[in-house]
């Protein structure tokens, strides 16, 4: 009995995972407005009924795709900022890793471009903060505690850095020359951080 139940749970989880992966691919390729639930179910090789078993509708599927993209990003960034090296080197590596993520189509389309419109600005902002702000705050706290930068209030400085990163991501996603924008924005943010560094 337990084996049958565990297989059902396993199947249910793998079905949900397939739906989310297909949703990420399709929302990235076509955007929210031009992606249908039928397409997501078809690419996942499940019935539309199975999709509705897991999700209440298209927005719920989108939010699961958003969560998947953000969780992947945060996992990668956390690995960078938790790595070896001085607080300064780790923070700069984290900044550069984030700038590279800003070039990824799934992050641009799902998180930056469609996220605010589909989820609503406040809910999107709350979700962004829930995922990213902790990583930014941790990096900033490391810089202050190590004496690398001036002893400014950590929360306030983290919000300034977080705002710069968020605005930078939006600019890169909307740029006709994203590589150039990524290089310029990254350089500017690093320059600002350099200005805070204790000599």
N, C-alpha and C. Protein backbone atom coordinates (compact mmCIF):
# COMPACT_ATOMS: atom_id res chain seq x y z
N UNK A 1 0.83 -1.21 0.00
CA UNK A 1 0.00 0.00 0.00
C UNK A 1 0.87 1.27 0.00
N UNK A 2 1.85 1.27 0.92
CA UNK A 2 2.74 2.43 1.00
C UNK A 2 3.51 2.61 -0.30
N UNK A 3 3.90 1.48 -0.93
CA UNK A 3 4.66 1.56 -2.18
C UNK A 3 3.81 2.16 -3.29
N UNK A 4 2.54 1.72 -3.36
CA UNK A 4 1.63 2.26 -4.38
C UNK A 4 1.44 3.75 -4.17
N UNK A 5 1.26 4.16 -2.90
CA UNK A 5 1.07 5.58 -2.60
C UNK A 5 2.33 6.39 -2.93
N UNK A 6 3.50 5.84 -2.58
CA UNK A 6 4.73 6.58 -2.86
C UNK A 6 4.96 6.71 -4.36
N UNK A 7 4.55 5.69 -5.12
CA UNK A 7 4.68 5.79 -6.58
C UNK A 7 3.76 6.87 -7.13
N UNK A 8 2.55 6.94 -6.56
CA UNK A 8 1.61 7.98 -7.00
C UNK A 8 2.16 9.37 -6.70
N UNK A 9 2.71 9.52 -5.50
CA UNK A 9 3.29 10.81 -5.12
C UNK A 9 4.45 11.15 -6.04
N UNK A 10 5.29 10.15 -6.30
CA UNK A 10 6.45 10.35 -7.19
C UNK A 10 5.98 10.75 -8.59
N UNK A 11 4.96 10.06 -9.09
CA UNK A 11 4.42 10.38 -10.41
C UNK A 11 3.84 11.79 -10.44
N UNK A 12 3.11 12.13 -9.36
CA UNK A 12 2.50 13.45 -9.27
C UNK A 12 3.57 14.53 -9.26
N UNK A 13 4.64 14.31 -8.51
CA UNK A 13 5.72 15.29 -8.44
C UNK A 13 6.44 15.42 -9.78
N UNK A 14 6.65 14.29 -10.45
CA UNK A 14 7.33 14.35 -11.75
C UNK A 14 6.45 15.02 -12.80
N UNK A 15 5.12 14.82 -12.70
CA UNK A 15 4.20 15.49 -13.61
C UNK A 15 4.24 17.00 -13.40
N UNK A 16 4.21 17.40 -12.14
CA UNK A 16 4.26 18.84 -11.83
C UNK A 16 5.58 19.45 -12.32
N UNK A 17 6.67 18.72 -12.10
CA UNK A 17 7.99 19.21 -12.54
C UNK A 17 8.02 19.37 -14.06
N UNK A 18 7.46 18.38 -14.77
CA UNK A 18 7.42 18.46 -16.24
C UNK A 18 6.60 19.66 -16.70
N UNK A 19 5.49 19.92 -16.02
CA UNK A 19 4.65 21.07 -16.37
C UNK A 19 5.40 22.38 -16.15
N UNK A 20 6.09 22.48 -15.03
CA UNK A 20 6.83 23.72 -14.73
C UNK A 20 7.96 23.92 -15.74
N UNK A 21 8.69 22.86 -16.04
CA UNK A 21 9.79 22.98 -17.02
C UNK A 21 9.26 23.40 -18.38
N UNK A 22 8.15 22.81 -18.81
CA UNK A 22 7.56 23.18 -20.10
C UNK A 22 7.07 24.62 -20.07
N UNK A 23 6.49 25.02 -18.94
CA UNK A 23 6.00 26.40 -18.81
C UNK A 23 7.17 27.39 -18.90
N UNK A 24 8.28 27.09 -18.25
CA UNK A 24 9.45 27.97 -18.32
C UNK A 24 9.89 28.12 -19.78
N UNK A 25 9.99 27.00 -20.48
CA UNK A 25 10.42 27.04 -21.88
C UNK A 25 9.47 27.87 -22.74
N UNK A 26 8.16 27.61 -22.60
CA UNK A 26 7.18 28.28 -23.46
C UNK A 26 7.00 29.75 -23.11
N UNK A 27 6.97 30.07 -21.82
CA UNK A 27 6.87 31.49 -21.44
C UNK A 27 8.11 32.26 -21.89
N UNK A 28 9.25 31.59 -21.86
CA UNK A 28 10.49 32.25 -22.32
C UNK A 28 10.44 32.49 -23.83
N UNK A 29 9.98 31.48 -24.56
CA UNK A 29 9.95 31.58 -26.03
C UNK A 29 8.87 32.54 -26.53
N UNK A 30 7.67 32.49 -25.92
CA UNK A 30 6.52 33.20 -26.48
C UNK A 30 5.93 34.28 -25.59
N UNK A 31 6.36 34.34 -24.34
CA UNK A 31 5.76 35.29 -23.40
C UNK A 31 4.46 34.76 -22.83
N UNK A 32 4.01 35.38 -21.77
CA UNK A 32 2.79 34.93 -21.08
C UNK A 32 1.57 35.01 -21.98
N UNK A 33 1.39 36.14 -22.63
CA UNK A 33 0.18 36.37 -23.43
C UNK A 33 0.03 35.38 -24.57
N UNK A 34 1.15 34.94 -25.15
CA UNK A 34 1.11 34.08 -26.33
C UNK A 34 1.35 32.60 -26.03
N UNK A 35 1.23 32.23 -24.77
CA UNK A 35 1.38 30.82 -24.39
C UNK A 35 0.05 30.32 -23.84
N UNK A 36 -0.40 29.18 -24.33
CA UNK A 36 -1.67 28.62 -23.85
C UNK A 36 -1.42 27.43 -22.93
N UNK A 37 -2.41 27.14 -22.11
CA UNK A 37 -2.32 25.96 -21.23
C UNK A 37 -2.28 24.68 -22.06
N UNK A 38 -2.97 24.69 -23.21
CA UNK A 38 -2.93 23.52 -24.10
C UNK A 38 -1.50 23.23 -24.54
N UNK A 39 -0.76 24.28 -24.90
CA UNK A 39 0.63 24.10 -25.33
C UNK A 39 1.49 23.55 -24.21
N UNK A 40 1.28 24.06 -23.00
CA UNK A 40 2.07 23.60 -21.86
C UNK A 40 1.79 22.13 -21.59
N UNK A 41 0.52 21.75 -21.60
CA UNK A 41 0.15 20.35 -21.37
C UNK A 41 0.72 19.46 -22.47
N UNK A 42 0.61 19.92 -23.71
CA UNK A 42 1.10 19.13 -24.84
C UNK A 42 2.61 18.92 -24.75
N UNK A 43 3.36 19.98 -24.46
CA UNK A 43 4.81 19.84 -24.36
C UNK A 43 5.20 18.95 -23.18
N UNK A 44 4.40 18.97 -22.13
CA UNK A 44 4.68 18.15 -20.95
C UNK A 44 4.25 16.70 -21.12
N UNK A 45 3.49 16.45 -22.21
CA UNK A 45 2.94 15.13 -22.50
C UNK A 45 1.99 14.64 -21.41
N UNK A 46 1.16 15.57 -20.94
CA UNK A 46 0.13 15.24 -19.97
C UNK A 46 -1.19 15.82 -20.47
N UNK A 47 -2.28 15.40 -19.86
CA UNK A 47 -3.58 15.93 -20.24
C UNK A 47 -3.79 17.30 -19.60
N UNK A 48 -4.73 18.05 -20.16
CA UNK A 48 -5.05 19.34 -19.56
C UNK A 48 -5.66 19.14 -18.17
N UNK A 49 -6.35 18.02 -18.00
CA UNK A 49 -6.91 17.69 -16.69
C UNK A 49 -5.81 17.53 -15.64
N UNK A 50 -4.70 16.90 -16.06
CA UNK A 50 -3.56 16.74 -15.14
C UNK A 50 -2.97 18.10 -14.78
N UNK A 51 -2.95 19.00 -15.76
CA UNK A 51 -2.45 20.35 -15.48
C UNK A 51 -3.33 21.02 -14.43
N UNK A 52 -4.66 20.91 -14.62
CA UNK A 52 -5.57 21.56 -13.66
C UNK A 52 -5.55 20.87 -12.30
N UNK A 53 -5.11 19.62 -12.25
CA UNK A 53 -4.96 18.94 -10.96
C UNK A 53 -3.88 19.64 -10.12
N UNK A 54 -2.86 20.17 -10.79
CA UNK A 54 -1.74 20.80 -10.09
C UNK A 54 -1.88 22.32 -9.98
N UNK A 55 -2.53 22.94 -10.96
CA UNK A 55 -2.58 24.40 -10.99
C UNK A 55 -4.00 24.87 -11.26
N UNK A 56 -4.36 25.96 -10.61
CA UNK A 56 -5.72 26.49 -10.75
C UNK A 56 -5.96 27.23 -12.06
N UNK A 57 -4.89 27.58 -12.78
CA UNK A 57 -5.05 28.30 -14.03
C UNK A 57 -3.71 28.78 -14.54
N UNK A 58 -3.77 29.61 -15.56
CA UNK A 58 -2.55 30.04 -16.24
C UNK A 58 -1.65 30.87 -15.34
N UNK A 59 -2.24 31.75 -14.53
CA UNK A 59 -1.40 32.58 -13.66
C UNK A 59 -0.66 31.71 -12.64
N UNK A 60 -1.33 30.69 -12.12
CA UNK A 60 -0.68 29.80 -11.16
C UNK A 60 0.49 29.06 -11.80
N UNK A 61 0.33 28.66 -13.06
CA UNK A 61 1.43 28.02 -13.79
C UNK A 61 2.57 29.01 -13.97
N UNK A 62 2.23 30.24 -14.32
CA UNK A 62 3.26 31.26 -14.50
C UNK A 62 4.03 31.49 -13.20
N UNK A 63 3.31 31.59 -12.09
CA UNK A 63 3.98 31.85 -10.82
C UNK A 63 4.90 30.69 -10.43
N UNK A 64 4.51 29.46 -10.78
CA UNK A 64 5.40 28.32 -10.52
C UNK A 64 6.64 28.40 -11.40
N UNK A 65 6.47 28.86 -12.65
CA UNK A 65 7.62 29.04 -13.55
C UNK A 65 8.52 30.15 -13.03
N UNK A 66 7.92 31.24 -12.57
CA UNK A 66 8.67 32.35 -11.98
C UNK A 66 9.49 31.85 -10.79
N UNK A 67 8.85 31.09 -9.91
CA UNK A 67 9.54 30.54 -8.74
C UNK A 67 10.71 29.65 -9.15
N UNK A 68 10.51 28.85 -10.18
CA UNK A 68 11.57 27.94 -10.64
C UNK A 68 12.78 28.72 -11.16
N UNK A 69 12.52 29.77 -11.94
CA UNK A 69 13.62 30.58 -12.48
C UNK A 69 14.35 31.30 -11.35
N UNK A 70 13.60 31.89 -10.43
CA UNK A 70 14.21 32.61 -9.31
C UNK A 70 14.98 31.67 -8.38
N UNK A 71 14.41 30.50 -8.10
CA UNK A 71 15.09 29.55 -7.20
C UNK A 71 16.40 29.08 -7.81
N UNK A 72 16.40 28.84 -9.12
CA UNK A 72 17.63 28.45 -9.80
C UNK A 72 18.68 29.56 -9.71
N UNK A 73 18.24 30.79 -9.97
CA UNK A 73 19.15 31.94 -9.89
C UNK A 73 19.73 32.08 -8.48
N UNK A 74 18.85 32.04 -7.48
CA UNK A 74 19.31 32.24 -6.11
C UNK A 74 20.24 31.12 -5.66
N UNK A 75 19.98 29.90 -6.12
CA UNK A 75 20.87 28.79 -5.79
C UNK A 75 22.27 29.02 -6.34
N UNK A 76 22.33 29.49 -7.58
CA UNK A 76 23.64 29.75 -8.20
C UNK A 76 24.36 30.93 -7.55
N UNK A 77 23.62 32.00 -7.26
CA UNK A 77 24.24 33.16 -6.64
C UNK A 77 24.69 32.85 -5.22
N UNK A 78 23.88 32.10 -4.50
CA UNK A 78 24.24 31.75 -3.13
C UNK A 78 25.53 30.93 -3.11
N UNK A 79 25.67 30.05 -4.09
CA UNK A 79 26.90 29.25 -4.17
C UNK A 79 28.11 30.15 -4.41
N UNK A 80 27.94 31.20 -5.21
CA UNK A 80 29.05 32.12 -5.49
C UNK A 80 29.41 32.93 -4.24
N UNK A 81 28.39 33.52 -3.58
CA UNK A 81 28.68 34.40 -2.44
C UNK A 81 29.02 33.61 -1.18
N UNK A 82 28.80 32.31 -1.19
CA UNK A 82 29.20 31.47 -0.05
C UNK A 82 30.57 30.83 -0.29
N UNK A 83 31.16 31.13 -1.42
CA UNK A 83 32.43 30.51 -1.79
C UNK A 83 33.62 31.10 -1.04
N UNK A 84 34.80 30.55 -1.32
CA UNK A 84 36.01 31.02 -0.65
C UNK A 84 36.45 32.40 -1.16
N UNK A 85 37.27 33.05 -0.35
CA UNK A 85 37.79 34.35 -0.75
C UNK A 85 37.40 35.43 0.24
N UNK A 86 37.96 36.61 0.06
CA UNK A 86 37.63 37.74 0.94
C UNK A 86 36.20 38.19 0.67
N UNK A 87 35.63 38.93 1.62
CA UNK A 87 34.27 39.46 1.44
C UNK A 87 34.18 40.31 0.19
N UNK A 88 35.24 41.06 -0.09
CA UNK A 88 35.27 41.91 -1.28
C UNK A 88 35.24 41.08 -2.56
N UNK A 89 36.10 40.08 -2.63
CA UNK A 89 36.15 39.23 -3.84
C UNK A 89 34.85 38.48 -4.05
N UNK A 90 34.26 38.00 -2.95
CA UNK A 90 33.01 37.25 -3.04
C UNK A 90 31.87 38.15 -3.51
N UNK A 91 31.80 39.37 -2.97
CA UNK A 91 30.74 40.30 -3.37
C UNK A 91 30.86 40.67 -4.84
N UNK A 92 32.07 40.92 -5.30
CA UNK A 92 32.27 41.25 -6.72
C UNK A 92 31.94 40.06 -7.62
N UNK A 93 32.31 38.87 -7.18
CA UNK A 93 31.97 37.67 -7.96
C UNK A 93 30.45 37.50 -8.03
N UNK A 94 29.77 37.77 -6.92
CA UNK A 94 28.31 37.68 -6.90
C UNK A 94 27.67 38.69 -7.83
N UNK A 95 28.20 39.92 -7.84
CA UNK A 95 27.70 40.96 -8.73
C UNK A 95 27.87 40.54 -10.18
N UNK A 96 29.04 40.05 -10.52
CA UNK A 96 29.30 39.64 -11.91
C UNK A 96 28.43 38.45 -12.31
N UNK A 97 28.21 37.52 -11.37
CA UNK A 97 27.35 36.38 -11.67
C UNK A 97 25.92 36.84 -11.93
N UNK A 98 25.45 37.80 -11.14
CA UNK A 98 24.10 38.32 -11.35
C UNK A 98 24.00 39.03 -12.69
N UNK A 99 25.01 39.80 -13.05
CA UNK A 99 24.99 40.49 -14.35
C UNK A 99 24.90 39.49 -15.51
N UNK A 100 25.55 38.34 -15.35
CA UNK A 100 25.47 37.31 -16.39
C UNK A 100 24.06 36.72 -16.45
N UNK A 101 23.44 36.54 -15.30
CA UNK A 101 22.07 36.01 -15.26
C UNK A 101 21.12 36.95 -15.98
N UNK A 102 21.39 38.25 -15.89
CA UNK A 102 20.53 39.24 -16.55
C UNK A 102 20.49 39.08 -18.06
N UNK A 103 21.42 38.32 -18.61
CA UNK A 103 21.44 38.06 -20.06
C UNK A 103 20.65 36.80 -20.42
N UNK A 104 20.23 36.03 -19.43
CA UNK A 104 19.53 34.77 -19.72
C UNK A 104 18.09 35.04 -20.13
N UNK A 105 17.65 34.46 -21.25
CA UNK A 105 16.30 34.73 -21.76
C UNK A 105 15.18 34.42 -20.77
N UNK A 106 15.29 33.33 -20.01
CA UNK A 106 14.21 32.99 -19.07
C UNK A 106 14.09 34.03 -17.97
N UNK A 107 15.22 34.52 -17.48
CA UNK A 107 15.19 35.54 -16.44
C UNK A 107 14.63 36.85 -17.00
N UNK A 108 15.09 37.23 -18.19
CA UNK A 108 14.62 38.47 -18.80
C UNK A 108 13.11 38.44 -19.02
N UNK A 109 12.64 37.37 -19.66
CA UNK A 109 11.22 37.33 -20.06
C UNK A 109 10.29 37.09 -18.88
N UNK A 110 10.57 36.05 -18.09
CA UNK A 110 9.64 35.64 -17.04
C UNK A 110 9.71 36.54 -15.82
N UNK A 111 10.91 36.79 -15.33
CA UNK A 111 11.05 37.56 -14.09
C UNK A 111 10.95 39.06 -14.32
N UNK A 112 11.71 39.57 -15.30
CA UNK A 112 11.82 41.02 -15.45
C UNK A 112 10.68 41.62 -16.28
N UNK A 113 10.37 41.01 -17.41
CA UNK A 113 9.40 41.61 -18.32
C UNK A 113 7.96 41.24 -17.99
N UNK A 114 7.66 39.95 -17.91
CA UNK A 114 6.27 39.53 -17.69
C UNK A 114 5.86 39.51 -16.22
N UNK A 115 6.84 39.32 -15.33
CA UNK A 115 6.52 39.19 -13.91
C UNK A 115 5.64 40.30 -13.35
N UNK A 116 6.04 41.57 -13.50
CA UNK A 116 5.22 42.65 -12.92
C UNK A 116 3.82 42.73 -13.51
N UNK A 117 3.70 42.50 -14.82
CA UNK A 117 2.39 42.59 -15.48
C UNK A 117 1.46 41.45 -15.06
N UNK A 118 2.00 40.25 -14.98
CA UNK A 118 1.17 39.08 -14.66
C UNK A 118 0.83 39.01 -13.18
N UNK A 119 1.80 39.27 -12.33
CA UNK A 119 1.61 39.10 -10.89
C UNK A 119 1.12 40.37 -10.20
N UNK A 120 1.24 41.51 -10.87
CA UNK A 120 0.95 42.78 -10.21
C UNK A 120 2.24 43.30 -9.60
N UNK A 121 2.43 44.61 -9.65
CA UNK A 121 3.70 45.18 -9.24
C UNK A 121 4.07 44.84 -7.80
N UNK A 122 3.12 44.96 -6.88
CA UNK A 122 3.45 44.74 -5.47
C UNK A 122 3.79 43.27 -5.18
N UNK A 123 3.01 42.38 -5.74
CA UNK A 123 3.28 40.95 -5.52
C UNK A 123 4.61 40.55 -6.15
N UNK A 124 4.87 41.07 -7.33
CA UNK A 124 6.15 40.81 -8.00
C UNK A 124 7.31 41.33 -7.17
N UNK A 125 7.17 42.56 -6.66
CA UNK A 125 8.23 43.16 -5.84
C UNK A 125 8.47 42.34 -4.58
N UNK A 126 7.38 41.89 -3.94
CA UNK A 126 7.51 41.06 -2.74
C UNK A 126 8.23 39.75 -3.05
N UNK A 127 7.88 39.15 -4.20
CA UNK A 127 8.53 37.89 -4.60
C UNK A 127 10.00 38.10 -4.89
N UNK A 128 10.33 39.17 -5.60
CA UNK A 128 11.73 39.49 -5.89
C UNK A 128 12.52 39.67 -4.60
N UNK A 129 11.90 40.38 -3.66
CA UNK A 129 12.58 40.63 -2.39
C UNK A 129 12.77 39.33 -1.62
N UNK A 130 11.74 38.49 -1.62
CA UNK A 130 11.83 37.22 -0.89
C UNK A 130 12.97 36.36 -1.42
N UNK A 131 13.19 36.40 -2.72
CA UNK A 131 14.26 35.58 -3.31
C UNK A 131 15.62 36.26 -3.21
N UNK A 132 15.70 37.51 -3.63
CA UNK A 132 17.02 38.11 -3.87
C UNK A 132 17.56 38.97 -2.73
N UNK A 133 16.68 39.61 -1.97
CA UNK A 133 17.18 40.58 -1.02
C UNK A 133 18.09 39.95 0.04
N UNK A 134 17.76 38.76 0.48
CA UNK A 134 18.58 38.09 1.50
C UNK A 134 20.01 37.86 1.04
N UNK A 135 20.18 37.49 -0.22
CA UNK A 135 21.52 37.26 -0.76
C UNK A 135 22.29 38.58 -0.82
N UNK A 136 21.62 39.63 -1.30
CA UNK A 136 22.26 40.95 -1.39
C UNK A 136 22.62 41.44 0.00
N UNK A 137 21.70 41.30 0.95
CA UNK A 137 21.96 41.78 2.32
C UNK A 137 23.14 41.02 2.93
N UNK A 138 23.20 39.71 2.68
CA UNK A 138 24.30 38.92 3.22
C UNK A 138 25.65 39.38 2.69
N UNK A 139 25.69 39.69 1.39
CA UNK A 139 26.94 40.16 0.78
C UNK A 139 27.34 41.53 1.33
N UNK A 140 26.36 42.41 1.47
CA UNK A 140 26.63 43.75 2.01
C UNK A 140 27.08 43.66 3.47
N UNK A 141 26.39 42.82 4.25
CA UNK A 141 26.77 42.64 5.66
C UNK A 141 28.21 42.13 5.75
N UNK A 142 28.59 41.22 4.86
CA UNK A 142 29.96 40.71 4.86
C UNK A 142 30.98 41.80 4.59
N UNK A 143 30.64 42.72 3.69
CA UNK A 143 31.54 43.83 3.37
C UNK A 143 31.70 44.78 4.54
N UNK A 144 30.57 45.07 5.22
CA UNK A 144 30.62 45.99 6.37
C UNK A 144 31.36 45.34 7.54
N UNK A 145 30.98 44.08 7.84
CA UNK A 145 31.58 43.39 9.00
C UNK A 145 33.08 43.14 8.83
N UNK A 146 33.51 42.94 7.60
CA UNK A 146 34.93 42.69 7.36
C UNK A 146 35.75 43.98 7.33
N UNK A 147 35.05 45.13 7.35
CA UNK A 147 35.75 46.40 7.29
C UNK A 147 36.15 46.81 5.88
N UNK A 148 35.65 46.08 4.87
CA UNK A 148 36.01 46.39 3.48
C UNK A 148 35.42 47.73 3.04
N UNK A 149 34.21 48.03 3.53
CA UNK A 149 33.58 49.30 3.15
C UNK A 149 33.23 50.08 4.41
N UNK A 150 32.86 51.33 4.20
CA UNK A 150 32.51 52.20 5.32
C UNK A 150 31.37 51.58 6.13
N UNK A 151 31.35 51.80 7.45
CA UNK A 151 30.33 51.17 8.31
C UNK A 151 28.96 51.85 8.19
N UNK A 152 28.34 51.69 7.06
CA UNK A 152 27.01 52.25 6.83
C UNK A 152 25.95 51.27 7.35
N UNK A 153 24.71 51.74 7.57
CA UNK A 153 23.64 50.83 8.00
C UNK A 153 23.41 49.73 6.95
N UNK A 154 23.51 48.49 7.39
CA UNK A 154 23.48 47.36 6.45
C UNK A 154 22.18 47.29 5.67
N UNK A 155 21.03 47.38 6.36
CA UNK A 155 19.74 47.25 5.66
C UNK A 155 19.56 48.35 4.61
N UNK A 156 19.89 49.57 4.98
CA UNK A 156 19.72 50.69 4.05
C UNK A 156 20.63 50.53 2.84
N UNK A 157 21.88 50.17 3.08
CA UNK A 157 22.82 50.00 1.97
C UNK A 157 22.41 48.82 1.09
N UNK A 158 21.95 47.74 1.71
CA UNK A 158 21.51 46.58 0.94
C UNK A 158 20.33 46.94 0.04
N UNK A 159 19.44 47.82 0.53
CA UNK A 159 18.29 48.23 -0.29
C UNK A 159 18.74 49.08 -1.48
N UNK A 160 19.75 49.92 -1.26
CA UNK A 160 20.29 50.74 -2.35
C UNK A 160 20.92 49.84 -3.41
N UNK A 161 21.72 48.86 -2.97
CA UNK A 161 22.37 47.94 -3.92
C UNK A 161 21.32 47.09 -4.63
N UNK A 162 20.33 46.60 -3.87
CA UNK A 162 19.26 45.79 -4.44
C UNK A 162 18.49 46.58 -5.49
N UNK A 163 18.21 47.85 -5.20
CA UNK A 163 17.51 48.71 -6.16
C UNK A 163 18.32 48.91 -7.43
N UNK A 164 19.63 49.09 -7.27
CA UNK A 164 20.50 49.26 -8.44
C UNK A 164 20.52 48.00 -9.30
N UNK A 165 20.59 46.85 -8.65
CA UNK A 165 20.59 45.58 -9.39
C UNK A 165 19.27 45.35 -10.12
N UNK A 166 18.17 45.65 -9.44
CA UNK A 166 16.85 45.47 -10.04
C UNK A 166 16.66 46.40 -11.24
N UNK A 167 17.06 47.66 -11.08
CA UNK A 167 16.96 48.62 -12.20
C UNK A 167 17.89 48.21 -13.34
N UNK A 168 19.07 47.71 -12.99
CA UNK A 168 20.00 47.24 -14.01
C UNK A 168 19.45 46.08 -14.80
N UNK A 169 18.81 45.13 -14.09
CA UNK A 169 18.21 43.97 -14.76
C UNK A 169 17.13 44.41 -15.74
N UNK A 170 16.32 45.38 -15.33
CA UNK A 170 15.25 45.89 -16.21
C UNK A 170 15.85 46.57 -17.44
N UNK A 171 16.89 47.35 -17.25
CA UNK A 171 17.54 48.03 -18.38
C UNK A 171 18.16 47.04 -19.35
N UNK A 172 18.80 46.01 -18.83
CA UNK A 172 19.43 44.99 -19.69
C UNK A 172 18.37 44.23 -20.48
N UNK A 173 17.28 43.85 -19.80
CA UNK A 173 16.22 43.08 -20.47
C UNK A 173 15.55 43.88 -21.58
N UNK A 174 15.50 45.21 -21.42
CA UNK A 174 14.84 46.04 -22.43
C UNK A 174 15.78 46.64 -23.45
N UNK A 175 17.06 46.30 -23.35
CA UNK A 175 18.06 46.92 -24.23
C UNK A 175 18.13 46.27 -25.60
N UNK A 176 18.39 47.10 -26.62
CA UNK A 176 18.63 46.57 -27.96
C UNK A 176 20.02 45.94 -28.04
N UNK A 177 20.89 46.31 -27.10
CA UNK A 177 22.25 45.76 -27.03
C UNK A 177 22.51 45.26 -25.60
N UNK A 178 21.91 44.14 -25.23
CA UNK A 178 22.00 43.67 -23.84
C UNK A 178 23.42 43.42 -23.35
N UNK A 179 24.29 42.90 -24.21
CA UNK A 179 25.67 42.66 -23.79
C UNK A 179 26.36 43.96 -23.41
N UNK A 180 26.17 44.97 -24.23
CA UNK A 180 26.77 46.28 -23.94
C UNK A 180 26.19 46.87 -22.66
N UNK A 181 24.87 46.79 -22.52
CA UNK A 181 24.22 47.31 -21.32
C UNK A 181 24.70 46.58 -20.08
N UNK A 182 24.84 45.26 -20.17
CA UNK A 182 25.32 44.47 -19.04
C UNK A 182 26.71 44.94 -18.62
N UNK A 183 27.60 45.16 -19.61
CA UNK A 183 28.97 45.59 -19.31
C UNK A 183 28.98 46.98 -18.67
N UNK A 184 28.19 47.90 -19.22
CA UNK A 184 28.16 49.27 -18.69
C UNK A 184 27.56 49.34 -17.30
N UNK A 185 26.45 48.64 -17.11
CA UNK A 185 25.78 48.67 -15.80
C UNK A 185 26.64 47.99 -14.75
N UNK A 186 27.23 46.86 -15.09
CA UNK A 186 28.11 46.17 -14.16
C UNK A 186 29.29 47.03 -13.76
N UNK A 187 29.86 47.71 -14.73
CA UNK A 187 31.00 48.60 -14.46
C UNK A 187 30.59 49.74 -13.53
N UNK A 188 29.41 50.31 -13.76
CA UNK A 188 28.95 51.43 -12.92
C UNK A 188 28.69 50.99 -11.48
N UNK A 189 28.04 49.83 -11.32
CA UNK A 189 27.76 49.35 -9.96
C UNK A 189 29.07 49.04 -9.23
N UNK A 190 30.01 48.42 -9.94
CA UNK A 190 31.31 48.14 -9.31
C UNK A 190 32.02 49.44 -8.93
N UNK A 191 31.90 50.45 -9.78
CA UNK A 191 32.54 51.74 -9.50
C UNK A 191 31.94 52.36 -8.23
N UNK A 192 30.62 52.26 -8.08
CA UNK A 192 29.96 52.79 -6.88
C UNK A 192 30.45 52.05 -5.64
N UNK A 193 30.54 50.72 -5.73
CA UNK A 193 31.05 49.94 -4.59
C UNK A 193 32.50 50.29 -4.29
N UNK A 194 33.30 50.47 -5.32
CA UNK A 194 34.70 50.88 -5.13
C UNK A 194 34.78 52.19 -4.35
N UNK A 195 33.84 53.09 -4.61
CA UNK A 195 33.82 54.37 -3.92
C UNK A 195 33.55 54.24 -2.42
N UNK A 196 32.89 53.16 -2.04
CA UNK A 196 32.58 52.93 -0.62
C UNK A 196 33.70 52.19 0.10
N UNK A 197 34.65 51.69 -0.68
CA UNK A 197 35.70 50.84 -0.07
C UNK A 197 36.67 51.67 0.75
N UNK A 198 37.02 51.15 1.88
CA UNK A 198 38.01 51.81 2.73
C UNK A 198 39.40 51.67 2.12
N UNK A 199 40.12 52.76 2.10
CA UNK A 199 41.45 52.73 1.48
C UNK A 199 42.49 52.34 2.51
